[in-house]
N, C-alpha and C. Protein backbone atom coordinates (compact mmCIF):
# COMPACT_ATOMS: atom_id res chain seq x y z
N MET A 1 0.83 -1.17 0.00
CA MET A 1 0.00 0.00 0.00
C MET A 1 0.88 1.24 0.00
N LYS A 2 0.63 2.17 -0.88
CA LYS A 2 1.38 3.40 -0.98
C LYS A 2 0.85 4.43 0.02
N VAL A 3 1.75 5.07 0.73
CA VAL A 3 1.38 6.12 1.68
C VAL A 3 1.18 7.41 0.88
N SER A 4 0.07 8.10 1.11
CA SER A 4 -0.23 9.30 0.32
C SER A 4 0.56 10.52 0.77
N SER A 5 0.89 10.62 2.05
CA SER A 5 1.69 11.74 2.53
C SER A 5 2.30 11.41 3.89
N ILE A 6 3.32 12.16 4.23
CA ILE A 6 3.99 12.01 5.52
C ILE A 6 4.03 13.38 6.17
N THR A 7 3.65 13.44 7.44
CA THR A 7 3.66 14.70 8.17
C THR A 7 4.90 14.74 9.06
N GLY A 8 5.61 15.86 9.00
CA GLY A 8 6.82 16.03 9.80
C GLY A 8 6.52 16.58 11.17
N GLN A 9 7.56 16.79 11.94
CA GLN A 9 7.46 17.27 13.32
C GLN A 9 6.79 18.65 13.40
N CYS A 10 6.83 19.42 12.33
CA CYS A 10 6.22 20.75 12.33
C CYS A 10 4.73 20.71 12.00
N GLY A 11 4.19 19.51 11.75
CA GLY A 11 2.77 19.37 11.46
C GLY A 11 2.41 19.66 10.02
N THR A 12 3.40 19.76 9.15
CA THR A 12 3.15 19.99 7.72
C THR A 12 3.51 18.75 6.92
N THR A 13 2.91 18.62 5.75
CA THR A 13 3.22 17.51 4.86
C THR A 13 4.60 17.71 4.28
N LEU A 14 5.43 16.68 4.37
CA LEU A 14 6.79 16.76 3.85
C LEU A 14 6.77 16.72 2.33
N VAL A 15 7.65 17.52 1.73
CA VAL A 15 7.70 17.65 0.27
C VAL A 15 9.08 17.22 -0.21
N GLY A 16 9.11 16.22 -1.08
CA GLY A 16 10.37 15.76 -1.65
C GLY A 16 11.05 16.87 -2.41
N GLY A 17 12.34 17.03 -2.19
CA GLY A 17 13.10 18.07 -2.86
C GLY A 17 13.04 19.41 -2.15
N ASP A 18 12.24 19.51 -1.07
CA ASP A 18 12.12 20.77 -0.35
C ASP A 18 12.30 20.59 1.16
N SER A 19 11.73 19.55 1.73
CA SER A 19 11.74 19.37 3.18
C SER A 19 13.07 18.80 3.68
N VAL A 20 13.46 19.27 4.87
CA VAL A 20 14.70 18.83 5.50
C VAL A 20 14.40 18.40 6.93
N ALA A 21 15.05 17.31 7.35
CA ALA A 21 14.99 16.86 8.73
C ALA A 21 16.34 17.16 9.38
N THR A 22 16.32 17.70 10.59
CA THR A 22 17.55 18.08 11.28
C THR A 22 17.67 17.37 12.62
N ASN A 23 18.85 17.40 13.18
CA ASN A 23 19.05 16.95 14.55
C ASN A 23 19.96 17.96 15.24
N PRO A 24 19.49 18.67 16.28
CA PRO A 24 18.19 18.48 16.92
C PRO A 24 17.06 18.95 16.02
N GLY A 25 15.88 18.45 16.29
CA GLY A 25 14.73 18.76 15.47
C GLY A 25 14.16 20.14 15.75
N PRO A 26 13.30 20.61 14.85
CA PRO A 26 12.72 21.96 14.97
C PRO A 26 11.79 22.13 16.16
N TYR A 27 11.32 21.03 16.73
CA TYR A 27 10.45 21.10 17.90
C TYR A 27 11.15 21.83 19.04
N TYR A 28 12.47 21.66 19.10
CA TYR A 28 13.27 22.26 20.17
C TYR A 28 13.69 23.69 19.86
N SER A 29 13.53 24.14 18.59
CA SER A 29 13.83 25.51 18.14
C SER A 29 15.25 25.96 18.41
N ASN A 30 16.17 25.04 18.53
CA ASN A 30 17.54 25.43 18.75
C ASN A 30 18.49 24.42 18.15
N PRO A 31 19.23 24.68 17.14
CA PRO A 31 19.32 25.95 16.42
C PRO A 31 18.35 26.06 15.25
N TYR A 32 17.55 25.02 15.00
CA TYR A 32 16.65 25.02 13.84
C TYR A 32 15.20 25.17 14.31
N ALA A 33 14.43 25.94 13.57
CA ALA A 33 13.01 26.12 13.88
C ALA A 33 12.19 25.73 12.66
N CYS A 34 10.92 25.41 12.88
CA CYS A 34 10.03 25.07 11.77
C CYS A 34 10.04 26.17 10.72
N GLY A 35 10.23 25.77 9.47
CA GLY A 35 10.21 26.71 8.36
C GLY A 35 11.51 27.43 8.10
N ASP A 36 12.56 27.20 8.93
CA ASP A 36 13.85 27.84 8.64
C ASP A 36 14.25 27.56 7.20
N ASN A 37 14.79 28.57 6.56
CA ASN A 37 15.33 28.41 5.22
C ASN A 37 16.75 27.88 5.31
N LEU A 38 17.04 26.84 4.54
CA LEU A 38 18.39 26.30 4.44
C LEU A 38 18.82 26.40 2.99
N GLU A 39 19.93 27.04 2.76
CA GLU A 39 20.47 27.14 1.41
C GLU A 39 21.48 26.03 1.20
N LEU A 40 21.31 25.27 0.13
CA LEU A 40 22.30 24.27 -0.24
C LEU A 40 23.22 24.91 -1.26
N VAL A 41 24.49 24.93 -0.94
CA VAL A 41 25.50 25.61 -1.74
C VAL A 41 26.38 24.57 -2.40
N ASN A 42 26.64 24.75 -3.70
CA ASN A 42 27.44 23.76 -4.42
C ASN A 42 28.94 24.00 -4.22
N GLY A 43 29.75 23.15 -4.82
CA GLY A 43 31.20 23.22 -4.67
C GLY A 43 31.81 24.50 -5.20
N SER A 44 31.05 25.26 -6.01
CA SER A 44 31.53 26.54 -6.53
C SER A 44 31.03 27.71 -5.68
N ASN A 45 30.48 27.40 -4.50
CA ASN A 45 29.94 28.39 -3.57
C ASN A 45 28.77 29.18 -4.16
N GLN A 46 27.97 28.53 -4.99
CA GLN A 46 26.77 29.13 -5.55
C GLN A 46 25.55 28.51 -4.89
N ASN A 47 24.55 29.33 -4.55
CA ASN A 47 23.31 28.80 -3.99
C ASN A 47 22.61 27.98 -5.05
N SER A 48 22.29 26.73 -4.74
CA SER A 48 21.69 25.83 -5.71
C SER A 48 20.24 25.50 -5.38
N TYR A 49 19.92 25.36 -4.10
CA TYR A 49 18.58 24.98 -3.68
C TYR A 49 18.23 25.73 -2.40
N LEU A 50 16.96 26.05 -2.22
CA LEU A 50 16.46 26.58 -0.96
C LEU A 50 15.50 25.56 -0.40
N LYS A 51 15.79 25.08 0.79
CA LYS A 51 14.97 24.03 1.42
C LYS A 51 14.48 24.53 2.76
N HIS A 52 13.55 23.76 3.38
CA HIS A 52 12.91 24.20 4.61
C HIS A 52 12.92 23.11 5.68
N VAL A 53 13.24 23.51 6.91
CA VAL A 53 13.26 22.59 8.05
C VAL A 53 11.81 22.25 8.41
N GLU A 54 11.48 20.94 8.41
CA GLU A 54 10.11 20.53 8.71
C GLU A 54 10.02 19.25 9.53
N ASP A 55 11.18 18.66 9.90
CA ASP A 55 11.13 17.39 10.62
C ASP A 55 12.45 17.18 11.36
N GLN A 56 12.48 16.17 12.22
CA GLN A 56 13.69 15.77 12.92
C GLN A 56 14.13 14.42 12.39
N CYS A 57 15.43 14.30 12.07
CA CYS A 57 15.91 12.98 11.66
C CYS A 57 15.97 12.09 12.90
N ALA A 58 15.81 10.82 12.68
CA ALA A 58 15.78 9.86 13.79
C ALA A 58 17.15 9.78 14.41
N ASN A 59 17.29 10.25 15.65
CA ASN A 59 18.62 10.28 16.25
C ASN A 59 19.16 8.89 16.56
N THR A 60 18.39 7.86 16.28
CA THR A 60 18.90 6.49 16.41
C THR A 60 19.49 6.01 15.09
N ALA A 61 19.28 6.78 14.01
CA ALA A 61 19.81 6.40 12.69
C ALA A 61 21.31 6.63 12.65
N GLN A 62 22.00 5.78 11.93
CA GLN A 62 23.43 5.92 11.78
C GLN A 62 23.74 7.26 11.13
N GLY A 63 24.65 8.02 11.69
CA GLY A 63 25.05 9.28 11.10
C GLY A 63 24.16 10.45 11.46
N CYS A 64 23.20 10.28 12.35
CA CYS A 64 22.29 11.37 12.68
C CYS A 64 22.71 12.03 14.00
N ALA A 65 23.94 12.51 14.06
CA ALA A 65 24.45 13.18 15.24
C ALA A 65 23.96 14.63 15.26
N ASP A 66 24.22 15.33 16.34
CA ASP A 66 23.86 16.75 16.39
C ASP A 66 24.45 17.48 15.20
N GLY A 67 23.66 18.37 14.61
CA GLY A 67 24.10 19.12 13.44
C GLY A 67 23.83 18.43 12.13
N HIS A 68 23.32 17.19 12.16
CA HIS A 68 23.06 16.43 10.94
C HIS A 68 21.78 16.90 10.28
N MET A 69 21.74 16.87 8.94
CA MET A 69 20.54 17.22 8.17
C MET A 69 20.30 16.16 7.11
N ASP A 70 19.04 15.81 6.90
CA ASP A 70 18.64 14.88 5.84
C ASP A 70 17.62 15.56 4.95
N ASP A 71 17.81 15.43 3.64
CA ASP A 71 16.87 15.97 2.67
C ASP A 71 15.87 14.90 2.27
N TYR A 72 14.62 15.28 2.14
CA TYR A 72 13.61 14.35 1.62
C TYR A 72 13.67 14.38 0.11
N SER A 73 13.70 13.21 -0.48
CA SER A 73 13.81 13.07 -1.93
C SER A 73 12.43 13.02 -2.57
N ALA A 74 12.34 13.51 -3.79
CA ALA A 74 11.08 13.46 -4.54
C ALA A 74 10.92 12.13 -5.28
N THR A 75 11.95 11.28 -5.29
CA THR A 75 11.85 10.00 -5.98
C THR A 75 10.95 9.04 -5.21
N GLN A 76 10.29 8.16 -5.92
CA GLN A 76 9.41 7.19 -5.28
C GLN A 76 10.02 5.80 -5.25
N GLN A 77 11.30 5.67 -5.62
CA GLN A 77 11.94 4.36 -5.60
C GLN A 77 12.37 4.01 -4.19
N CYS A 78 12.47 2.72 -3.92
CA CYS A 78 12.79 2.23 -2.58
C CYS A 78 14.28 2.02 -2.35
N SER A 79 15.05 1.93 -3.40
CA SER A 79 16.49 1.72 -3.25
C SER A 79 17.21 2.43 -4.39
N GLY A 80 18.51 2.59 -4.22
CA GLY A 80 19.31 3.21 -5.27
C GLY A 80 19.13 4.70 -5.37
N VAL A 81 18.63 5.34 -4.31
CA VAL A 81 18.47 6.79 -4.33
C VAL A 81 19.86 7.40 -4.19
N THR A 82 20.22 8.25 -5.11
CA THR A 82 21.56 8.84 -5.11
C THR A 82 21.56 10.22 -4.47
N ASP A 83 22.74 10.74 -4.26
CA ASP A 83 22.91 12.06 -3.68
C ASP A 83 22.47 13.12 -4.69
N LEU A 84 22.42 14.36 -4.25
CA LEU A 84 22.05 15.45 -5.14
C LEU A 84 23.01 15.52 -6.31
N PRO A 85 22.53 15.88 -7.50
CA PRO A 85 23.42 15.98 -8.66
C PRO A 85 24.45 17.09 -8.45
N GLY A 86 25.66 16.83 -8.90
CA GLY A 86 26.70 17.84 -8.78
C GLY A 86 27.27 18.00 -7.39
N SER A 87 27.07 17.00 -6.52
CA SER A 87 27.60 17.08 -5.16
C SER A 87 29.11 17.23 -5.23
N PRO A 88 29.76 17.81 -4.28
CA PRO A 88 29.29 17.98 -2.90
C PRO A 88 28.54 19.29 -2.70
N TYR A 89 27.63 19.27 -1.77
CA TYR A 89 26.91 20.46 -1.33
C TYR A 89 27.18 20.67 0.15
N TRP A 90 27.05 21.88 0.61
CA TRP A 90 27.07 22.17 2.04
C TRP A 90 25.87 23.05 2.32
N THR A 91 25.43 23.07 3.55
CA THR A 91 24.17 23.70 3.91
C THR A 91 24.40 24.91 4.80
N VAL A 92 23.67 25.99 4.50
CA VAL A 92 23.77 27.23 5.26
C VAL A 92 22.39 27.53 5.85
N ASP A 93 22.31 27.79 7.13
CA ASP A 93 21.07 28.23 7.77
C ASP A 93 21.07 29.76 7.70
N ASP A 94 20.22 30.32 6.86
CA ASP A 94 20.24 31.77 6.67
C ASP A 94 19.31 32.51 7.62
N GLN A 95 18.80 31.85 8.63
CA GLN A 95 17.93 32.53 9.59
C GLN A 95 18.73 32.99 10.78
């Protein structure tokens, strides 16, 4: 059965290619709050994507230490999901 939508910690529907999960999560408002703008900057220091904090990554997941961010993908495949094109990227919290 396909899930029609997923709601993040901020109470909004997560959007692939836009929503970001952080640790600590936005519920704690430090340093990330619901709706914070995050700019993804490419290796040439150019802003490539603007994304929004809407969930907390599972702190039991491997690699989800403090300061970690996960992007929600717009792909519907279950495996073989690759990183953003043209990586590496780094993330800037512009709030």
